[in-house]
Amino acid sequence: MTRVPLGSSDLQVFPLSLGGNVFGWTADEAASFAVLDAYLAGGGNFVDTADVYSAWAPGHTGGESEGVLGAWLASRKPADFVVATKVGAHPQFKGLKAETIRAGAEASLKRLGVETIDLYYTHFDDESVPVEEIVTALDELVRAGKVRQVAASNISPERLRASLEFARREGLAEYVALQPHYNLVSRDTYEGELADVVAHFGLSAVPYYGLAAGFLTGKYRPGATVDSVRAGGAGKYLESERGPKVLEALDKVAAAHDAQVASVALAWLRAQPTVAAPIASARTPEQLPALLASVELTLTEDELSLLNEASA
């Protein structure tokens, strides 16, 4: 099965990470199990969640996604499976003080029903806390066997570099991955200084919003009505100059490969320097084939240039 290394770690992952933000939210437990089963059957082994999913939904408190994933793991007991979760945004565990990180990890371990979290992200950087405190707290979790590898998300280039330099200088657990907001219609945040830090220190990028909240599936078109809680966020890309240009380029490349637009958008991401495994979520098993197909889709240099120019 296709596997790629995650940074300098011993983690070998499928080059498409399944987003767990929908588990227990827009996909109930039965639907989530069906999606996870289909992903596993398709060769997948890398699922991404967070302790805060889905605290924003009415009646939810956070941890719903981890709970559903934990029930699936207990039921299926999949081998060679990599579970990533995050700390720092749950209503009860806000921020990245050392005690918050420790308490958040214990709560996630319990909900997931595992002894070790494979990949543990700081969800949002907390600039009120020194990087030394954050890195040391994460290192303690690794040394205790509660976390296998650590990573970061939503962090500035300066803080990421400082974290990595401190960890390397003190011999502590280093971040092996960064989860940035990155896709064909949102390139500015990651490309440049942040990507340079990732490349310099040998991290892997695991981009979230790989399909721009569904916009890059191609189903959001002028005049189209889409029944989705993400429709408002995805539809805004049509209002920009970049969005329609990207869709036009995606349509052209997709037609050349007899592929779906979503497959091409994810294949473009996977072809970018430092990117190991884009994240994409599915509410139903029927949405998965287009995502999985991206792993086998190789774009030509001309096609990559076309997409780069359209999204510039």
Protein backbone atom coordinates (compact mmCIF):
# COMPACT_ATOMS: atom_id res chain seq x y z
CA MET A 1 0.00 0.00 0.00
CA THR A 2 1.15 3.54 -0.72
CA ARG A 3 2.90 5.15 2.24
CA VAL A 4 5.04 8.27 2.62
CA PRO A 5 7.23 9.31 5.56
CA LEU A 6 6.05 12.11 7.81
CA GLY A 7 9.00 14.44 8.27
CA SER A 8 11.92 12.78 10.01
CA SER A 9 9.63 10.56 12.09
CA ASP A 10 9.02 6.83 11.90
CA LEU A 11 5.41 7.44 10.88
CA GLN A 12 4.51 6.11 7.43
CA VAL A 13 1.20 7.47 6.21
CA PHE A 14 -1.20 7.21 3.29
CA PRO A 15 -0.74 10.37 1.17
CA LEU A 16 -4.33 11.43 1.80
CA SER A 17 -5.43 12.08 5.37
CA LEU A 18 -9.09 11.58 6.20
CA GLY A 19 -10.51 14.59 8.03
CA GLY A 20 -12.53 13.71 11.10
CA ASN A 21 -14.21 17.07 11.62
CA VAL A 22 -17.52 15.66 10.35
CA PHE A 23 -17.58 12.64 12.68
CA GLY A 24 -20.40 13.00 15.18
CA TRP A 25 -21.48 16.25 13.52
CA THR A 26 -22.72 16.13 9.91
CA ALA A 27 -21.99 12.39 9.86
CA ASP A 28 -23.54 10.39 12.69
CA GLU A 29 -21.78 7.34 14.11
CA ALA A 30 -23.13 4.92 11.51
CA ALA A 31 -22.20 7.22 8.62
CA SER A 32 -18.78 7.90 10.15
CA PHE A 33 -18.11 4.16 10.54
CA ALA A 34 -19.06 3.63 6.87
CA VAL A 35 -16.67 6.37 5.73
CA LEU A 36 -13.84 5.06 7.92
CA ASP A 37 -14.43 1.50 6.68
CA ALA A 38 -14.30 2.66 3.05
CA TYR A 39 -11.16 4.71 3.67
CA LEU A 40 -9.45 1.75 5.31
CA ALA A 41 -10.53 -0.55 2.46
CA GLY A 42 -9.05 1.95 0.00
CA GLY A 43 -5.63 1.69 1.65
CA GLY A 44 -5.92 4.66 3.99
CA ASN A 45 -4.27 4.71 7.41
CA PHE A 46 -4.10 8.38 8.47
CA VAL A 47 -7.05 10.05 10.21
CA ASP A 48 -7.04 13.63 11.49
CA THR A 49 -9.26 14.90 14.30
CA ALA A 50 -9.15 17.38 17.21
CA ASP A 51 -10.47 17.56 20.75
CA VAL A 52 -12.61 20.60 19.85
CA TYR A 53 -14.58 18.81 17.08
CA SER A 54 -17.53 19.58 17.14
CA ALA A 55 -18.01 22.01 20.03
CA TRP A 56 -19.54 24.60 17.67
CA ALA A 57 -22.63 22.46 16.99
CA PRO A 58 -25.75 23.01 19.12
CA GLY A 59 -25.76 20.65 22.07
CA HIS A 60 -22.15 19.57 21.55
CA THR A 61 -19.32 20.16 24.01
CA GLY A 62 -16.27 19.05 22.00
CA GLY A 63 -14.75 15.59 21.76
CA GLU A 64 -17.59 14.14 19.69
CA SER A 65 -15.30 13.30 16.77
CA GLU A 66 -12.70 11.64 19.01
CA GLY A 67 -15.45 9.62 20.67
CA VAL A 68 -16.77 8.30 17.35
CA LEU A 69 -13.26 7.54 16.11
CA GLY A 70 -12.43 5.80 19.38
CA ALA A 71 -15.52 3.58 19.08
CA TRP A 72 -14.52 2.68 15.50
CA LEU A 73 -10.94 1.89 16.52
CA ALA A 74 -12.20 -0.38 19.31
CA SER A 75 -14.56 -2.15 16.92
CA ARG A 76 -12.24 -2.58 13.94
CA LYS A 77 -8.79 -2.71 15.60
CA PRO A 78 -7.01 -1.66 12.37
CA ALA A 79 -3.29 -2.37 12.08
CA ASP A 80 -0.80 0.23 10.81
CA PHE A 81 -3.20 3.07 11.61
CA VAL A 82 -2.05 6.61 12.42
CA VAL A 83 -4.34 8.80 14.53
CA ALA A 84 -3.68 12.53 14.72
CA THR A 85 -5.48 14.84 17.13
CA LYS A 86 -4.96 18.33 18.53
CA VAL A 87 -4.93 20.36 21.73
CA GLY A 88 -5.57 23.99 22.51
CA ALA A 89 -9.06 24.83 21.25
CA HIS A 90 -11.40 22.64 23.33
CA PRO A 91 -13.65 24.82 25.55
CA GLN A 92 -12.25 23.09 28.67
CA PHE A 93 -8.65 23.05 27.47
CA LYS A 94 -8.03 26.42 25.85
CA GLY A 95 -4.51 27.59 25.18
CA LEU A 96 -1.15 25.88 25.45
CA LYS A 97 0.00 26.22 29.02
CA ALA A 98 1.80 23.07 30.15
CA GLU A 99 -1.00 21.93 32.45
CA THR A 100 -3.56 22.47 29.67
CA ILE A 101 -1.57 20.35 27.25
CA ARG A 102 -1.26 17.55 29.80
CA ALA A 103 -4.94 17.62 30.73
CA GLY A 104 -6.03 17.84 27.10
CA ALA A 105 -3.91 14.84 26.17
CA GLU A 106 -5.39 12.73 28.98
CA ALA A 107 -8.92 13.60 27.86
CA SER A 108 -8.13 12.77 24.22
CA LEU A 109 -6.51 9.45 25.15
CA LYS A 110 -9.65 8.49 27.07
CA ARG A 111 -12.05 9.42 24.27
CA LEU A 112 -9.93 7.70 21.62
CA GLY A 113 -9.47 4.63 23.79
CA VAL A 114 -5.76 4.38 22.98
CA GLU A 115 -2.60 4.29 25.07
CA THR A 116 -0.62 6.50 22.69
CA ILE A 117 -1.61 9.31 20.33
CA ASP A 118 0.40 8.84 17.14
CA LEU A 119 0.58 12.51 16.15
CA TYR A 120 -0.31 15.33 18.56
CA TYR A 121 -0.74 18.86 17.22
CA THR A 122 -0.89 22.19 18.94
CA HIS A 123 -4.10 23.34 17.25
CA PHE A 124 -3.57 27.11 17.44
CA ASP A 125 -0.43 28.75 18.71
CA ASP A 126 -0.77 30.52 22.08
CA GLU A 127 1.65 33.42 21.98
CA SER A 128 1.03 34.15 25.66
CA VAL A 129 3.01 31.00 26.44
CA PRO A 130 6.77 30.76 25.72
CA VAL A 131 7.66 28.18 23.10
CA GLU A 132 9.99 26.62 25.67
CA GLU A 133 7.05 25.74 27.92
CA ILE A 134 5.01 24.30 25.06
CA VAL A 135 7.83 22.21 23.62
CA THR A 136 8.86 20.91 27.06
CA ALA A 137 5.28 19.87 27.88
CA LEU A 138 4.97 18.01 24.58
CA ASP A 139 8.34 16.32 25.13
CA GLU A 140 7.15 15.07 28.51
CA LEU A 141 4.16 13.42 26.85
CA VAL A 142 6.46 11.71 24.35
CA ARG A 143 8.80 10.49 27.10
CA ALA A 144 5.80 9.17 29.05
CA GLY A 145 4.68 7.15 26.03
CA LYS A 146 1.40 9.03 25.73
CA VAL A 147 2.33 10.68 22.42
CA ARG A 148 4.46 9.24 19.62
CA GLN A 149 5.24 12.36 17.56
CA VAL A 150 4.38 16.06 17.88
CA ALA A 151 3.35 18.67 15.34
CA ALA A 152 2.01 22.21 15.03
CA SER A 153 -0.78 24.04 13.26
CA ASN A 154 -1.73 27.70 12.81
CA ILE A 155 1.62 29.10 13.92
CA SER A 156 3.81 31.93 12.64
CA PRO A 157 7.13 31.21 10.90
CA GLU A 158 8.96 32.95 13.75
CA ARG A 159 7.35 30.87 16.49
CA LEU A 160 7.73 27.66 14.50
CA ARG A 161 11.42 28.30 13.95
CA ALA A 162 11.95 29.21 17.62
CA SER A 163 10.18 26.02 18.73
CA LEU A 164 12.28 23.83 16.47
CA GLU A 165 15.55 25.52 17.41
CA PHE A 166 14.81 25.14 21.12
CA ALA A 167 13.84 21.48 20.76
CA ARG A 168 16.95 20.71 18.73
CA ARG A 169 19.24 22.60 21.11
CA GLU A 170 17.84 20.87 24.20
CA GLY A 171 17.41 17.41 22.67
CA LEU A 172 13.62 17.46 23.08
CA ALA A 173 10.88 16.07 20.83
CA GLU A 174 10.73 18.15 17.65
CA TYR A 175 7.72 18.93 15.53
CA VAL A 176 7.71 16.55 12.56
CA ALA A 177 4.78 18.10 10.71
CA LEU A 178 2.91 21.34 10.19
CA GLN A 179 -0.78 21.54 9.39
CA PRO A 180 -1.28 24.77 7.42
CA HIS A 181 -4.33 26.25 5.69
CA TYR A 182 -3.32 25.58 2.11
CA ASN A 183 -5.10 24.86 -1.16
CA LEU A 184 -5.40 26.15 -4.72
CA VAL A 185 -7.43 29.19 -3.70
CA SER A 186 -5.55 29.87 -0.44
CA ARG A 187 -1.82 29.85 -1.10
CA ASP A 188 -0.61 33.04 0.52
CA THR A 189 -0.51 31.94 4.17
CA TYR A 190 1.73 28.94 3.63
CA GLU A 191 3.90 29.62 0.59
CA GLY A 192 6.92 31.73 1.39
CA GLU A 193 8.45 32.04 4.84
CA LEU A 194 6.37 29.35 6.55
CA ALA A 195 7.06 26.78 3.84
CA ASP A 196 10.74 27.74 3.97
CA VAL A 197 10.92 26.90 7.69
CA VAL A 198 9.18 23.58 7.06
CA ALA A 199 11.65 22.71 4.31
CA HIS A 200 14.71 23.86 6.26
CA PHE A 201 13.91 21.69 9.28
CA GLY A 202 12.68 18.70 7.29
CA LEU A 203 9.05 18.76 8.37
CA SER A 204 6.12 17.54 6.30
CA ALA A 205 3.09 19.67 5.54
CA VAL A 206 -0.35 18.14 6.07
CA PRO A 207 -2.64 20.87 4.70
CA TYR A 208 -6.15 21.38 6.03
CA TYR A 209 -9.00 22.79 3.93
CA GLY A 210 -7.40 20.90 1.06
CA LEU A 211 -10.65 21.29 -0.88
CA ALA A 212 -11.42 24.81 0.40
CA ALA A 213 -14.50 23.79 2.41
CA GLY A 214 -15.78 21.88 -0.62
CA PHE A 215 -15.29 24.62 -3.23
CA LEU A 216 -12.59 22.62 -5.01
CA THR A 217 -14.93 19.65 -5.52
CA GLY A 218 -16.39 21.69 -8.37
CA LYS A 219 -19.97 21.48 -7.15
CA TYR A 220 -20.13 25.17 -6.25
CA ARG A 221 -20.90 27.01 -9.49
CA PRO A 222 -22.71 30.27 -10.30
CA GLY A 223 -26.43 29.69 -9.77
CA ALA A 224 -25.96 26.28 -8.14
CA THR A 225 -27.56 25.48 -4.78
CA VAL A 226 -25.68 23.04 -2.58
CA ASP A 227 -27.22 21.50 0.53
CA SER A 228 -24.28 21.72 2.92
CA VAL A 229 -23.45 23.47 6.18
CA ARG A 230 -20.28 24.65 4.41
CA ALA A 231 -22.07 26.22 1.44
CA GLY A 232 -21.62 29.78 2.69
CA GLY A 233 -17.89 29.40 3.21
CA ALA A 234 -17.31 27.57 -0.06
CA GLY A 235 -19.49 29.90 -2.11
CA LYS A 236 -17.43 32.96 -1.18
CA TYR A 237 -14.64 31.79 -3.49
CA LEU A 238 -16.90 32.43 -6.47
CA GLU A 239 -16.88 36.10 -5.56
CA SER A 240 -13.11 36.37 -5.97
CA GLU A 241 -11.20 36.70 -9.22
CA ARG A 242 -9.14 33.64 -8.38
CA GLY A 243 -11.99 31.18 -7.72
CA PRO A 244 -13.57 31.00 -11.20
CA LYS A 245 -10.14 30.92 -12.86
CA VAL A 246 -9.11 27.96 -10.72
CA LEU A 247 -12.34 26.10 -11.52
CA GLU A 248 -11.79 26.64 -15.24
CA ALA A 249 -8.25 25.25 -15.02
CA LEU A 250 -9.37 22.33 -12.86
CA ASP A 251 -12.11 21.45 -15.36
CA LYS A 252 -9.57 21.38 -18.18
CA VAL A 253 -7.11 19.14 -16.32
CA ALA A 254 -9.86 16.88 -14.98
CA ALA A 255 -11.20 16.34 -18.51
CA ALA A 256 -7.73 15.37 -19.75
CA HIS A 257 -7.48 12.65 -17.10
CA ASP A 258 -11.17 11.66 -17.06
CA ALA A 259 -10.96 12.51 -13.36
CA GLN A 260 -13.05 14.47 -10.93
CA VAL A 261 -12.19 18.05 -10.03
CA ALA A 262 -11.57 17.14 -6.37
CA SER A 263 -9.02 14.53 -7.42
CA VAL A 264 -7.08 17.10 -9.42
CA ALA A 265 -7.16 19.71 -6.66
CA LEU A 266 -5.73 17.23 -4.15
CA ALA A 267 -3.18 15.91 -6.65
CA TRP A 268 -1.93 19.49 -7.14
CA LEU A 269 -1.50 19.84 -3.37
CA ARG A 270 0.30 16.53 -3.10
CA ALA A 271 2.73 17.66 -5.84
CA GLN A 272 3.81 20.76 -3.90
CA PRO A 273 7.18 20.83 -2.12
CA THR A 274 7.03 19.66 1.52
CA VAL A 275 3.43 18.34 1.25
CA ALA A 276 3.04 14.73 2.42
CA ALA A 277 -0.70 14.22 2.80
CA PRO A 278 -3.50 16.71 2.19
CA ILE A 279 -6.52 16.41 4.48
CA ALA A 280 -10.02 15.97 3.07
CA SER A 281 -13.22 14.89 4.75
CA ALA A 282 -16.24 12.90 3.54
CA ARG A 283 -19.71 12.63 5.02
CA THR A 284 -20.61 9.54 2.99
CA PRO A 285 -18.67 6.65 1.42
CA GLU A 286 -19.84 7.88 -1.99
CA GLN A 287 -17.69 10.99 -1.57
CA LEU A 288 -14.52 8.98 -0.98
CA PRO A 289 -13.57 7.61 -4.44
CA ALA A 290 -12.71 11.07 -5.78
CA LEU A 291 -10.51 11.72 -2.76
CA LEU A 292 -8.74 8.36 -2.92
CA ALA A 293 -8.21 8.71 -6.68
CA SER A 294 -5.98 11.74 -6.07
CA VAL A 295 -3.27 9.46 -4.68
CA GLU A 296 -2.84 7.72 -8.06
CA LEU A 297 -3.18 10.88 -10.15
CA THR A 298 0.08 12.38 -11.40
CA LEU A 299 -0.17 15.76 -13.09
CA THR A 300 2.17 16.85 -15.87
CA GLU A 301 4.43 19.86 -15.55
CA ASP A 302 2.20 21.74 -18.02
CA GLU A 303 -0.88 20.93 -15.95
CA LEU A 304 0.79 22.04 -12.75
CA SER A 305 1.84 25.29 -14.45
CA LEU A 306 -1.71 25.86 -15.67
CA LEU A 307 -3.09 25.43 -12.14
CA ASN A 308 -0.31 27.55 -10.64
CA GLU A 309 -1.03 30.40 -13.03
CA ALA A 310 -4.78 30.25 -12.46
CA SER A 311 -4.35 30.31 -8.70
CA ALA A 312 -1.55 32.89 -8.53
